Amino acid sequence: MRSPQSPVLSISGLVKDVGPLPSLDGKMLRVVSGVSLLAERGQVTALLGANGAGKTTTLECAQGLQKRSGGSISLLGHDPAAAGAALRSRVGVMLQDGGLPPSARPIPLLRHIAGLYARPWPVDELVQRLGIDTFSRTTVRRLSGGQKQRLALAAALIGRPEVLFLDEPSAGLDPQSRQLVFDLISELRDAGMGIILTTHLMDDAQRLADYVYIIDGGRNVAEGTVQELLQRAPGVEAGTEHIRTLVFEAPPGLDLSAVLPAGIDVTEARAGSYCVTGALAPQHLAALAAWWEAHDIMPGSMSLQARSLEDVFLDISGKDIR
């Protein structure tokens, strides 16, 4: 559900052209074409898209790092293209490549950044919370990818921002660090911070996001809560039932068309391996089990899987490599 509060970020009809490009005979290339979105306080808003979909460009325009070609953007009630220090001090940005000085050491760097703010987050608290003390004597250039991510997150948070942009926040993190970062993101959201993130890891988005926008070809193609998107499937009308997939092994060549109703799809991916997809309910499983019993069939294996956000994303954006 969208909040009645003023959003921390509002984008309407965003257009971004780059060029002119020699490869296009001097013409401009449109990389974002009419993207619109809202991000609320106290929510995690995820922006998903394949490589080149336009999501990073969209957020860089929202942060004022790129100049838009058209449309409107309001960040905490202001146009980021004309932002001054007062607005930027209210916004935290964590870039995927870190943007950190390679010769700096973590704690002196964080203390320097803290000195730029009137009411910074205590450095020692962030250092301990994100486990930065374990690599505090190492220069940035020698940090692992996951260590750089944790340091970049600390640098983005140290000014106590009202809105936080995260680009691939769990990239390179080991399972323990990933859980640590997820817990912190959840706490910040519950404390009222507006968080906007991009990620290629669909399970991260499914776990963290309150609202999701999917961008493809520089434009919005789907949006909704994770629950709403999970109920979306080709040929299945969204409702209150979850889309699930049942996979089982049985003798090849079975005809299940009379066993399950319309809207429940059955395919035999390979001989003897069946995939049943749709808004599966207990009565459908009972009917299938009764049919097995009547035909003296005992499945060799069986698994029931909930539809994932990655399934939705692939349905919308396609499975071809970009």
C-alpha atoms as a PDB file:
ATOM      1  CA  MET A   1       0.000   0.000   0.000  1.00  0.00           C
ATOM      2  CA  ARG A   2       1.329   3.454  -0.884  1.00  0.00           C
ATOM      3  CA  SER A   3       1.716   5.856   2.034  1.00  0.00           C
ATOM      4  CA  PRO A   4      -0.376   9.065   2.284  1.00  0.00           C
ATOM      5  CA  GLN A   5       2.788  10.976   3.271  1.00  0.00           C
ATOM      6  CA  SER A   6       4.740  13.087   0.845  1.00  0.00           C
ATOM      7  CA  PRO A   7       7.149  10.762  -0.991  1.00  0.00           C
ATOM      8  CA  VAL A   8      10.882  11.173  -0.487  1.00  0.00           C
ATOM      9  CA  LEU A   9      11.303  10.770  -4.236  1.00  0.00           C
ATOM     10  CA  SER A  10       8.853  11.458  -7.039  1.00  0.00           C
ATOM     11  CA  ILE A  11       9.765  10.950 -10.705  1.00  0.00           C
ATOM     12  CA  SER A  12       7.308  11.726 -13.491  1.00  0.00           C
ATOM     13  CA  GLY A  13       7.919  11.094 -17.172  1.00  0.00           C
ATOM     14  CA  LEU A  14      11.706  11.059 -16.890  1.00  0.00           C
ATOM     15  CA  VAL A  15      13.548  11.236 -20.221  1.00  0.00           C
ATOM     16  CA  LYS A  16      17.301  10.974 -20.659  1.00  0.00           C
ATOM     17  CA  ASP A  17      19.086  11.315 -24.004  1.00  0.00           C
ATOM     18  CA  VAL A  18      22.812  10.815 -24.531  1.00  0.00           C
ATOM     19  CA  GLY A  19      24.911  11.845 -27.508  1.00  0.00           C
ATOM     20  CA  PRO A  20      25.090  12.820 -30.257  1.00  0.00           C
ATOM     21  CA  LEU A  21      26.783   9.494 -31.040  1.00  0.00           C
ATOM     22  CA  PRO A  22      28.940   8.784 -34.093  1.00  0.00           C
ATOM     23  CA  SER A  23      27.555   5.249 -34.198  1.00  0.00           C
ATOM     24  CA  LEU A  24      24.086   6.737 -34.752  1.00  0.00           C
ATOM     25  CA  ASP A  25      25.203   9.223 -37.429  1.00  0.00           C
ATOM     26  CA  GLY A  26      25.327  12.009 -34.884  1.00  0.00           C
ATOM     27  CA  LYS A  27      21.845  11.329 -33.482  1.00  0.00           C
ATOM     28  CA  MET A  28      20.900  11.211 -29.815  1.00  0.00           C
ATOM     29  CA  LEU A  29      20.270   7.915 -28.041  1.00  0.00           C
ATOM     30  CA  ARG A  30      17.293   7.795 -25.659  1.00  0.00           C
ATOM     31  CA  VAL A  31      18.223   5.598 -22.696  1.00  0.00           C
ATOM     32  CA  VAL A  32      15.282   6.510 -20.439  1.00  0.00           C
ATOM     33  CA  SER A  33      11.873   7.089 -21.944  1.00  0.00           C
ATOM     34  CA  GLY A  34       9.118   8.221 -19.579  1.00  0.00           C
ATOM     35  CA  VAL A  35       9.976   6.476 -16.292  1.00  0.00           C
ATOM     36  CA  SER A  36       7.724   7.401 -13.360  1.00  0.00           C
ATOM     37  CA  LEU A  37       7.955   6.231  -9.766  1.00  0.00           C
ATOM     38  CA  LEU A  38       7.347   7.138  -6.135  1.00  0.00           C
ATOM     39  CA  ALA A  39       9.419   6.199  -3.096  1.00  0.00           C
ATOM     40  CA  GLU A  40       7.930   6.626   0.361  1.00  0.00           C
ATOM     41  CA  ARG A  41       9.287   7.203   3.846  1.00  0.00           C
ATOM     42  CA  GLY A  42       9.584   4.060   5.909  1.00  0.00           C
ATOM     43  CA  GLN A  43       9.683   1.838   2.816  1.00  0.00           C
ATOM     44  CA  VAL A  44      12.255   0.050   0.690  1.00  0.00           C
ATOM     45  CA  THR A  45      11.597   0.738  -2.985  1.00  0.00           C
ATOM     46  CA  ALA A  46      13.412  -1.568  -5.414  1.00  0.00           C
ATOM     47  CA  LEU A  47      14.184  -0.685  -9.012  1.00  0.00           C
ATOM     48  CA  LEU A  48      14.823  -3.802 -11.104  1.00  0.00           C
ATOM     49  CA  GLY A  49      15.951  -4.172 -14.677  1.00  0.00           C
ATOM     50  CA  ALA A  50      18.363  -6.025 -16.925  1.00  0.00           C
ATOM     51  CA  ASN A  51      21.712  -4.501 -17.891  1.00  0.00           C
ATOM     52  CA  GLY A  52      21.046  -1.411 -19.984  1.00  0.00           C
ATOM     53  CA  ALA A  53      17.398  -1.140 -18.918  1.00  0.00           C
ATOM     54  CA  GLY A  54      17.901   2.417 -17.623  1.00  0.00           C
ATOM     55  CA  LYS A  55      17.617   1.890 -13.881  1.00  0.00           C
ATOM     56  CA  THR A  56      21.059   3.254 -12.948  1.00  0.00           C
ATOM     57  CA  THR A  57      20.601   6.276 -15.215  1.00  0.00           C
ATOM     58  CA  THR A  58      17.206   6.898 -13.621  1.00  0.00           C
ATOM     59  CA  LEU A  59      18.674   6.941 -10.126  1.00  0.00           C
ATOM     60  CA  GLU A  60      21.663   9.063 -11.135  1.00  0.00           C
ATOM     61  CA  CYS A  61      19.224  11.653 -12.494  1.00  0.00           C
ATOM     62  CA  ALA A  62      17.251  11.382  -9.230  1.00  0.00           C
ATOM     63  CA  GLN A  63      20.443  12.028  -7.264  1.00  0.00           C
ATOM     64  CA  GLY A  64      21.432  14.985  -9.450  1.00  0.00           C
ATOM     65  CA  LEU A  65      24.501  13.161 -10.797  1.00  0.00           C
ATOM     66  CA  GLN A  66      23.160  13.343 -14.366  1.00  0.00           C
ATOM     67  CA  LYS A  67      21.116  16.063 -16.025  1.00  0.00           C
ATOM     68  CA  ARG A  68      17.752  14.859 -17.302  1.00  0.00           C
ATOM     69  CA  SER A  69      16.474  15.646 -20.792  1.00  0.00           C
ATOM     70  CA  GLY A  70      12.800  15.797 -19.822  1.00  0.00           C
ATOM     71  CA  GLY A  71      10.244  15.053 -17.119  1.00  0.00           C
ATOM     72  CA  SER A  72      10.241  16.130 -13.492  1.00  0.00           C
ATOM     73  CA  ILE A  73      11.980  14.922 -10.329  1.00  0.00           C
ATOM     74  CA  SER A  74      11.300  15.883  -6.733  1.00  0.00           C
ATOM     75  CA  LEU A  75      13.765  14.693  -4.090  1.00  0.00           C
ATOM     76  CA  LEU A  76      12.611  15.608  -0.582  1.00  0.00           C
ATOM     77  CA  GLY A  77      10.510  18.315  -2.228  1.00  0.00           C
ATOM     78  CA  HIS A  78      13.339  19.814  -4.286  1.00  0.00           C
ATOM     79  CA  ASP A  79      14.688  19.469  -7.812  1.00  0.00           C
ATOM     80  CA  PRO A  80      17.989  17.556  -7.488  1.00  0.00           C
ATOM     81  CA  ALA A  81      19.349  19.232 -10.625  1.00  0.00           C
ATOM     82  CA  ALA A  82      19.445  22.510  -8.688  1.00  0.00           C
ATOM     83  CA  ALA A  83      20.355  20.982  -5.327  1.00  0.00           C
ATOM     84  CA  GLY A  84      22.618  22.773  -2.936  1.00  0.00           C
ATOM     85  CA  ALA A  85      24.459  21.549   0.137  1.00  0.00           C
ATOM     86  CA  ALA A  86      21.318  21.718   2.296  1.00  0.00           C
ATOM     87  CA  LEU A  87      19.536  19.074   0.207  1.00  0.00           C
ATOM     88  CA  ARG A  88      22.590  16.896  -0.389  1.00  0.00           C
ATOM     89  CA  SER A  89      23.230  16.670   3.354  1.00  0.00           C
ATOM     90  CA  ARG A  90      19.834  14.955   3.716  1.00  0.00           C
ATOM     91  CA  VAL A  91      20.604  12.279   1.112  1.00  0.00           C
ATOM     92  CA  GLY A  92      22.884   9.244   1.366  1.00  0.00           C
ATOM     93  CA  VAL A  93      24.257   7.598  -1.761  1.00  0.00           C
ATOM     94  CA  MET A  94      26.079   4.272  -1.930  1.00  0.00           C
ATOM     95  CA  LEU A  95      27.516   3.662  -5.397  1.00  0.00           C
ATOM     96  CA  GLN A  96      28.364   0.138  -6.536  1.00  0.00           C
ATOM     97  CA  ASP A  97      31.974   1.086  -7.335  1.00  0.00           C
ATOM     98  CA  GLY A  98      32.269   2.797  -3.961  1.00  0.00           C
ATOM     99  CA  GLY A  99      33.732   6.106  -5.166  1.00  0.00           C
ATOM    100  CA  LEU A 100      36.162   5.916  -2.234  1.00  0.00           C
ATOM    101  CA  PRO A 101      39.726   7.319  -2.298  1.00  0.00           C
ATOM    102  CA  PRO A 102      42.005   4.298  -2.849  1.00  0.00           C
ATOM    103  CA  SER A 103      44.829   5.391  -0.523  1.00  0.00           C
ATOM    104  CA  ALA A 104      42.585   6.176   2.454  1.00  0.00           C
ATOM    105  CA  ARG A 105      42.117   3.952   5.484  1.00  0.00           C
ATOM    106  CA  PRO A 106      38.519   3.279   6.621  1.00  0.00           C
ATOM    107  CA  ILE A 107      38.291   4.953  10.035  1.00  0.00           C
ATOM    108  CA  PRO A 108      40.150   8.206   9.199  1.00  0.00           C
ATOM    109  CA  LEU A 109      38.041   8.425   6.038  1.00  0.00           C
ATOM    110  CA  LEU A 110      34.795   8.045   7.988  1.00  0.00           C
ATOM    111  CA  ARG A 111      35.925  10.614  10.576  1.00  0.00           C
ATOM    112  CA  HIS A 112      36.689  13.060   7.756  1.00  0.00           C
ATOM    113  CA  ILE A 113      33.229  12.540   6.230  1.00  0.00           C
ATOM    114  CA  ALA A 114      31.586  12.866   9.651  1.00  0.00           C
ATOM    115  CA  GLY A 115      33.229  16.253  10.071  1.00  0.00           C
ATOM    116  CA  LEU A 116      31.226  17.542   7.098  1.00  0.00           C
ATOM    117  CA  TYR A 117      27.901  17.095   8.925  1.00  0.00           C
ATOM    118  CA  ALA A 118      26.347  18.960  11.833  1.00  0.00           C
ATOM    119  CA  ARG A 119      24.936  15.825  13.500  1.00  0.00           C
ATOM    120  CA  PRO A 120      26.751  12.771  12.156  1.00  0.00           C
ATOM    121  CA  TRP A 121      26.213   9.164  13.127  1.00  0.00           C
ATOM    122  CA  PRO A 122      28.943   8.264  15.691  1.00  0.00           C
ATOM    123  CA  VAL A 123      31.807   6.766  13.705  1.00  0.00           C
ATOM    124  CA  ASP A 124      32.694   4.158  16.327  1.00  0.00           C
ATOM    125  CA  GLU A 125      29.101   2.888  16.341  1.00  0.00           C
ATOM    126  CA  LEU A 126      29.024   2.462  12.567  1.00  0.00           C
ATOM    127  CA  VAL A 127      32.463   0.871  12.538  1.00  0.00           C
ATOM    128  CA  GLN A 128      31.423  -1.726  15.083  1.00  0.00           C
ATOM    129  CA  ARG A 129      27.970  -2.309  13.569  1.00  0.00           C
ATOM    130  CA  LEU A 130      29.365  -2.985  10.082  1.00  0.00           C
ATOM    131  CA  GLY A 131      32.463  -4.872  11.238  1.00  0.00           C
ATOM    132  CA  ILE A 132      34.812  -2.276   9.757  1.00  0.00           C
ATOM    133  CA  ASP A 133      37.162  -2.582  12.730  1.00  0.00           C
ATOM    134  CA  THR A 134      38.322  -5.952  11.364  1.00  0.00           C
ATOM    135  CA  PHE A 135      39.961  -4.266   8.349  1.00  0.00           C
ATOM    136  CA  SER A 136      40.488  -0.738   9.681  1.00  0.00           C
ATOM    137  CA  ARG A 137      44.253  -0.701   8.995  1.00  0.00           C
ATOM    138  CA  THR A 138      43.888  -1.693   5.331  1.00  0.00           C
ATOM    139  CA  THR A 139      43.780   0.934   2.579  1.00  0.00           C
ATOM    140  CA  VAL A 140      40.724   1.084   0.360  1.00  0.00           C
ATOM    141  CA  ARG A 141      42.589  -0.215  -2.675  1.00  0.00           C
ATOM    142  CA  ARG A 142      43.434  -3.441  -0.808  1.00  0.00           C
ATOM    143  CA  LEU A 143      39.959  -4.121   0.539  1.00  0.00           C
ATOM    144  CA  SER A 144      37.871  -6.976  -0.818  1.00  0.00           C
ATOM    145  CA  GLY A 145      34.701  -6.169  -2.734  1.00  0.00           C
ATOM    146  CA  GLY A 146      32.516  -6.938   0.259  1.00  0.00           C
ATOM    147  CA  GLN A 147      34.650  -4.837   2.608  1.00  0.00           C
ATOM    148  CA  LYS A 148      34.411  -1.885   0.222  1.00  0.00           C
ATOM    149  CA  GLN A 149      30.627  -2.325   0.156  1.00  0.00           C
ATOM    150  CA  ARG A 150      30.390  -2.145   3.947  1.00  0.00           C
ATOM    151  CA  LEU A 151      32.635   0.920   4.036  1.00  0.00           C
ATOM    152  CA  ALA A 152      30.631   2.602   1.275  1.00  0.00           C
ATOM    153  CA  LEU A 153      27.414   1.922   3.205  1.00  0.00           C
ATOM    154  CA  ALA A 154      28.906   3.491   6.335  1.00  0.00           C
ATOM    155  CA  ALA A 155      29.971   6.557   4.327  1.00  0.00           C
ATOM    156  CA  ALA A 156      26.427   6.874   2.924  1.00  0.00           C
ATOM    157  CA  LEU A 157      24.854   6.618   6.381  1.00  0.00           C
ATOM    158  CA  ILE A 158      27.184   8.792   8.413  1.00  0.00           C
ATOM    159  CA  GLY A 159      25.231  11.992   7.749  1.00  0.00           C
ATOM    160  CA  ARG A 160      21.980  10.422   9.076  1.00  0.00           C
ATOM    161  CA  PRO A 161      20.165  10.838   5.730  1.00  0.00           C
ATOM    162  CA  GLU A 162      16.405  10.969   5.314  1.00  0.00           C
ATOM    163  CA  VAL A 163      16.636   9.093   2.030  1.00  0.00           C
ATOM    164  CA  LEU A 164      19.216   6.469   1.087  1.00  0.00           C
ATOM    165  CA  PHE A 165      20.152   5.288  -2.417  1.00  0.00           C
ATOM    166  CA  LEU A 166      21.774   1.850  -2.577  1.00  0.00           C
ATOM    167  CA  ASP A 167      23.236   0.470  -5.807  1.00  0.00           C
ATOM    168  CA  GLU A 168      23.714  -3.313  -5.515  1.00  0.00           C
ATOM    169  CA  PRO A 169      24.134  -3.166  -1.702  1.00  0.00           C
ATOM    170  CA  SER A 170      24.882  -6.880  -1.253  1.00  0.00           C
ATOM    171  CA  ALA A 171      27.358  -7.262  -4.142  1.00  0.00           C
ATOM    172  CA  GLY A 172      30.427  -9.195  -3.017  1.00  0.00           C
ATOM    173  CA  LEU A 173      29.159  -9.782   0.520  1.00  0.00           C
ATOM    174  CA  ASP A 174      29.625 -13.107   2.297  1.00  0.00           C
ATOM    175  CA  PRO A 175      26.501 -14.594   3.952  1.00  0.00           C
ATOM    176  CA  GLN A 176      27.283 -13.125   7.393  1.00  0.00           C
ATOM    177  CA  SER A 177      27.912  -9.623   6.014  1.00  0.00           C
ATOM    178  CA  ARG A 178      24.823  -9.876   3.816  1.00  0.00           C
ATOM    179  CA  GLN A 179      22.660 -10.676   6.834  1.00  0.00           C
ATOM    180  CA  LEU A 180      24.248  -7.815   8.781  1.00  0.00           C
ATOM    181  CA  VAL A 181      23.500  -5.331   5.974  1.00  0.00           C
ATOM    182  CA  PHE A 182      19.944  -6.634   5.552  1.00  0.00           C
ATOM    183  CA  ASP A 183      19.237  -6.247   9.269  1.00  0.00           C
ATOM    184  CA  LEU A 184      20.524  -2.672   9.193  1.00  0.00           C
ATOM    185  CA  ILE A 185      18.446  -1.787   6.119  1.00  0.00           C
ATOM    186  CA  SER A 186      15.339  -3.189   7.822  1.00  0.00           C
ATOM    187  CA  GLU A 187      16.010  -1.173  10.980  1.00  0.00           C
ATOM    188  CA  LEU A 188      16.513   2.033   8.998  1.00  0.00           C
ATOM    189  CA  ARG A 189      13.274   1.459   7.099  1.00  0.00           C
ATOM    190  CA  ASP A 190      11.377   0.808  10.335  1.00  0.00           C
ATOM    191  CA  ALA A 191      12.828   4.041  11.744  1.00  0.00           C
ATOM    192  CA  GLY A 192      11.225   5.974   8.850  1.00  0.00           C
ATOM    193  CA  MET A 193      14.037   6.288   6.320  1.00  0.00           C
ATOM    194  CA  GLY A 194      13.117   6.133   2.636  1.00  0.00           C
ATOM    195  CA  ILE A 195      15.386   3.615   0.896  1.00  0.00           C
ATOM    196  CA  ILE A 196      15.713   3.172  -2.865  1.00  0.00           C
ATOM    197  CA  LEU A 197      17.826   0.292  -4.112  1.00  0.00           C
ATOM    198  CA  THR A 198      18.803  -1.439  -7.327  1.00  0.00           C
ATOM    199  CA  THR A 199      19.897  -5.050  -7.414  1.00  0.00           C
ATOM    200  CA  HIS A 200      20.400  -7.928  -9.817  1.00  0.00           C
ATOM    201  CA  LEU A 201      19.701 -10.391  -7.004  1.00  0.00           C
ATOM    202  CA  MET A 202      15.968 -11.044  -7.095  1.00  0.00           C
ATOM    203  CA  ASP A 203      15.886 -12.860  -3.772  1.00  0.00           C
ATOM    204  CA  ASP A 204      17.363  -9.726  -2.149  1.00  0.00           C
ATOM    205  CA  ALA A 205      14.583  -7.603  -3.641  1.00  0.00           C
ATOM    206  CA  GLN A 206      11.943 -10.144  -2.677  1.00  0.00           C
ATOM    207  CA  ARG A 207      13.197 -10.169   0.900  1.00  0.00           C
ATOM    208  CA  LEU A 208      13.730  -6.426   1.385  1.00  0.00           C
ATOM    209  CA  ALA A 209      11.381  -4.478  -0.875  1.00  0.00           C
ATOM    210  CA  ASP A 210       8.024  -3.023   0.091  1.00  0.00           C
ATOM    211  CA  TYR A 211       7.364  -1.835  -3.458  1.00  0.00           C
ATOM    212  CA  VAL A 212       9.012  -2.835  -6.747  1.00  0.00           C
ATOM    213  CA  TYR A 213       9.361  -1.141 -10.132  1.00  0.00           C
ATOM    214  CA  ILE A 214      10.557  -3.179 -13.117  1.00  0.00           C
ATOM    215  CA  ILE A 215      12.143  -1.167 -15.925  1.00  0.00           C
ATOM    216  CA  ASP A 216      12.823  -2.532 -19.393  1.00  0.00           C
ATOM    217  CA  GLY A 217      13.970  -0.629 -22.472  1.00  0.00           C
ATOM    218  CA  GLY A 218      14.067   2.639 -20.535  1.00  0.00           C
ATOM    219  CA  ARG A 219      10.435   2.568 -19.403  1.00  0.00           C
ATOM    220  CA  ASN A 220       8.213   1.173 -16.646  1.00  0.00           C
ATOM    221  CA  VAL A 221       6.822  -2.245 -17.506  1.00  0.00           C
ATOM    222  CA  ALA A 222       5.479  -3.402 -14.123  1.00  0.00           C
ATOM    223  CA  GLU A 223       5.093  -2.237 -10.548  1.00  0.00           C
ATOM    224  CA  GLY A 224       3.544  -3.352  -7.297  1.00  0.00           C
ATOM    225  CA  THR A 225       4.231  -4.888  -3.945  1.00  0.00           C
ATOM    226  CA  VAL A 226       6.153  -8.152  -4.003  1.00  0.00           C
ATOM    227  CA  GLN A 227       2.889  -9.954  -3.195  1.00  0.00           C
ATOM    228  CA  GLU A 228       1.090  -8.314  -6.122  1.00  0.00           C
ATOM    229  CA  LEU A 229       3.869  -9.154  -8.558  1.00  0.00           C
ATOM    230  CA  LEU A 230       4.100 -12.766  -7.381  1.00  0.00           C
ATOM    231  CA  GLN A 231       0.435 -13.231  -8.274  1.00  0.00           C
ATOM    232  CA  ARG A 232       1.162 -12.144 -11.835  1.00  0.00           C
ATOM    233  CA  ALA A 233       1.722 -14.918 -14.360  1.00  0.00           C
ATOM    234  CA  PRO A 234       1.071 -15.395 -18.097  1.00  0.00           C
ATOM    235  CA  GLY A 235      -2.473 -16.663 -18.575  1.00  0.00           C
ATOM    236  CA  VAL A 236      -3.308 -16.485 -14.870  1.00  0.00           C
ATOM    237  CA  GLU A 237      -5.396 -13.628 -13.567  1.00  0.00           C
ATOM    238  CA  ALA A 238      -4.074 -11.973 -10.419  1.00  0.00           C
ATOM    239  CA  GLY A 239      -6.089 -12.828  -7.338  1.00  0.00           C
ATOM    240  CA  THR A 240      -5.710 -13.875  -3.760  1.00  0.00           C
ATOM    241  CA  GLU A 241      -4.097 -17.254  -4.507  1.00  0.00           C
ATOM    242  CA  HIS A 242      -0.354 -17.681  -4.911  1.00  0.00           C
ATOM    243  CA  ILE A 243       1.170 -18.929  -8.136  1.00  0.00           C
ATOM    244  CA  ARG A 244       3.066 -22.127  -7.354  1.00  0.00           C
ATOM    245  CA  THR A 245       4.998 -24.737  -9.303  1.00  0.00           C
ATOM    246  CA  LEU A 246       4.793 -28.466  -8.619  1.00  0.00           C
ATOM    247  CA  VAL A 247       7.613 -30.576 -10.085  1.00  0.00           C
ATOM    248  CA  PHE A 248       7.421 -34.373  -9.993  1.00  0.00           C
ATOM    249  CA  GLU A 249       8.983 -37.441 -11.610  1.00  0.00           C
ATOM    250  CA  ALA A 250       6.664 -40.179 -12.965  1.00  0.00           C
ATOM    251  CA  PRO A 251       6.351 -42.496 -15.965  1.00  0.00           C
ATOM    252  CA  PRO A 252       6.625 -40.561 -19.244  1.00  0.00           C
ATOM    253  CA  GLY A 253       3.719 -39.659 -21.492  1.00  0.00           C
ATOM    254  CA  LEU A 254       1.024 -39.113 -18.854  1.00  0.00           C
ATOM    255  CA  ASP A 255      -2.069 -37.178 -19.985  1.00  0.00           C
ATOM    256  CA  LEU A 256      -3.175 -34.948 -17.093  1.00  0.00           C
ATOM    257  CA  SER A 257      -5.499 -32.703 -19.111  1.00  0.00           C
ATOM    258  CA  ALA A 258      -8.634 -34.143 -17.486  1.00  0.00           C
ATOM    259  CA  VAL A 259      -7.213 -34.039 -13.964  1.00  0.00           C
ATOM    260  CA  LEU A 260      -6.516 -30.311 -13.526  1.00  0.00           C
ATOM    261  CA  PRO A 261      -8.724 -27.339 -14.496  1.00  0.00           C
ATOM    262  CA  ALA A 262      -8.066 -24.650 -17.097  1.00  0.00           C
ATOM    263  CA  GLY A 263      -5.469 -22.145 -15.916  1.00  0.00           C
ATOM    264  CA  ILE A 264      -3.254 -24.852 -14.448  1.00  0.00           C
ATOM    265  CA  ASP A 265      -0.505 -25.568 -16.987  1.00  0.00           C
ATOM    266  CA  VAL A 266       1.184 -28.974 -17.214  1.00  0.00           C
ATOM    267  CA  THR A 267       4.347 -29.532 -19.241  1.00  0.00           C
ATOM    268  CA  GLU A 268       6.667 -32.496 -19.565  1.00  0.00           C
ATOM    269  CA  ALA A 269      10.053 -30.773 -19.665  1.00  0.00           C
ATOM    270  CA  ARG A 270      11.779 -34.076 -20.426  1.00  0.00           C
ATOM    271  CA  ALA A 271      10.617 -37.665 -20.433  1.00  0.00           C
ATOM    272  CA  GLY A 272       9.060 -38.391 -17.058  1.00  0.00           C
ATOM    273  CA  SER A 273       9.699 -34.918 -15.571  1.00  0.00           C
ATOM    274  CA  TYR A 274       6.504 -32.889 -15.139  1.00  0.00           C
ATOM    275  CA  CYS A 275       5.985 -29.234 -14.223  1.00  0.00           C
ATOM    276  CA  VAL A 276       2.567 -28.027 -13.034  1.00  0.00           C
ATOM    277  CA  THR A 277       2.197 -24.234 -12.726  1.00  0.00           C
ATOM    278  CA  GLY A 278      -0.705 -22.025 -11.704  1.00  0.00           C
ATOM    279  CA  ALA A 279      -2.795 -20.893  -8.748  1.00  0.00           C
ATOM    280  CA  LEU A 280      -2.482 -24.303  -7.132  1.00  0.00           C
ATOM    281  CA  ALA A 281      -4.800 -24.990  -4.203  1.00  0.00           C
ATOM    282  CA  PRO A 282      -5.186 -28.043  -1.916  1.00  0.00           C
ATOM    283  CA  GLN A 283      -8.014 -29.464  -4.069  1.00  0.00           C
ATOM    284  CA  HIS A 284      -5.727 -29.539  -7.109  1.00  0.00           C
ATOM    285  CA  LEU A 285      -3.099 -31.519  -5.216  1.00  0.00           C
ATOM    286  CA  ALA A 286      -5.798 -33.847  -3.879  1.00  0.00           C
ATOM    287  CA  ALA A 287      -7.148 -34.463  -7.403  1.00  0.00           C
ATOM    288  CA  LEU A 288      -3.678 -35.219  -8.690  1.00  0.00           C
ATOM    289  CA  ALA A 289      -2.955 -37.595  -5.786  1.00  0.00           C
ATOM    290  CA  ALA A 290      -6.274 -39.382  -6.377  1.00  0.00           C
ATOM    291  CA  TRP A 291      -5.409 -39.792 -10.067  1.00  0.00           C
ATOM    292  CA  TRP A 292      -2.017 -41.231  -9.162  1.00  0.00           C
ATOM    293  CA  GLU A 293      -3.714 -43.686  -6.795  1.00  0.00           C
ATOM    294  CA  ALA A 294      -6.287 -44.705  -9.414  1.00  0.00           C
ATOM    295  CA  HIS A 295      -3.531 -45.390 -11.941  1.00  0.00           C
ATOM    296  CA  ASP A 296      -1.147 -47.003  -9.422  1.00  0.00           C
ATOM    297  CA  ILE A 297       1.506 -44.314  -9.908  1.00  0.00           C
ATOM    298  CA  MET A 298       3.991 -43.396  -7.206  1.00  0.00           C
ATOM    299  CA  PRO A 299       6.058 -40.277  -8.126  1.00  0.00           C
ATOM    300  CA  GLY A 300       9.789 -40.817  -7.902  1.00  0.00           C
ATOM    301  CA  SER A 301      10.252 -37.305  -6.496  1.00  0.00           C
ATOM    302  CA  MET A 302       8.080 -34.258  -5.898  1.00  0.00           C
ATOM    303  CA  SER A 303       8.622 -30.613  -4.877  1.00  0.00           C
ATOM    304  CA  LEU A 304       6.320 -27.632  -4.484  1.00  0.00           C
ATOM    305  CA  GLN A 305       7.875 -24.222  -5.077  1.00  0.00           C
ATOM    306  CA  ALA A 306       6.405 -20.776  -4.550  1.00  0.00           C
ATOM    307  CA  ARG A 307       6.610 -18.420  -7.512  1.00  0.00           C
ATOM    308  CA  SER A 308       9.585 -16.097  -7.106  1.00  0.00           C
ATOM    309  CA  LEU A 309      10.235 -12.505  -8.063  1.00  0.00           C
ATOM    310  CA  GLU A 310      12.874 -13.803 -10.465  1.00  0.00           C
ATOM    311  CA  ASP A 311      10.151 -15.775 -12.300  1.00  0.00           C
ATOM    312  CA  VAL A 312       8.113 -12.572 -12.640  1.00  0.00           C
ATOM    313  CA  PHE A 313      11.132 -10.608 -13.822  1.00  0.00           C
ATOM    314  CA  LEU A 314      12.002 -13.171 -16.503  1.00  0.00           C
ATOM    315  CA  ASP A 315       8.382 -13.319 -17.680  1.00  0.00           C
ATOM    316  CA  ILE A 316       8.381  -9.547 -18.146  1.00  0.00           C
ATOM    317  CA  SER A 317      11.912  -8.844 -19.341  1.00  0.00           C
ATOM    318  CA  GLY A 318      12.540 -12.078 -21.237  1.00  0.00           C
ATOM    319  CA  LYS A 319      15.298 -14.630 -20.823  1.00  0.00           C
ATOM    320  CA  ASP A 320      17.689 -13.417 -23.511  1.00  0.00           C
ATOM    321  CA  ILE A 321      21.079 -12.111 -22.411  1.00  0.00           C
ATOM    322  CA  ARG A 322      21.318  -8.337 -22.920  1.00  0.00           C
END
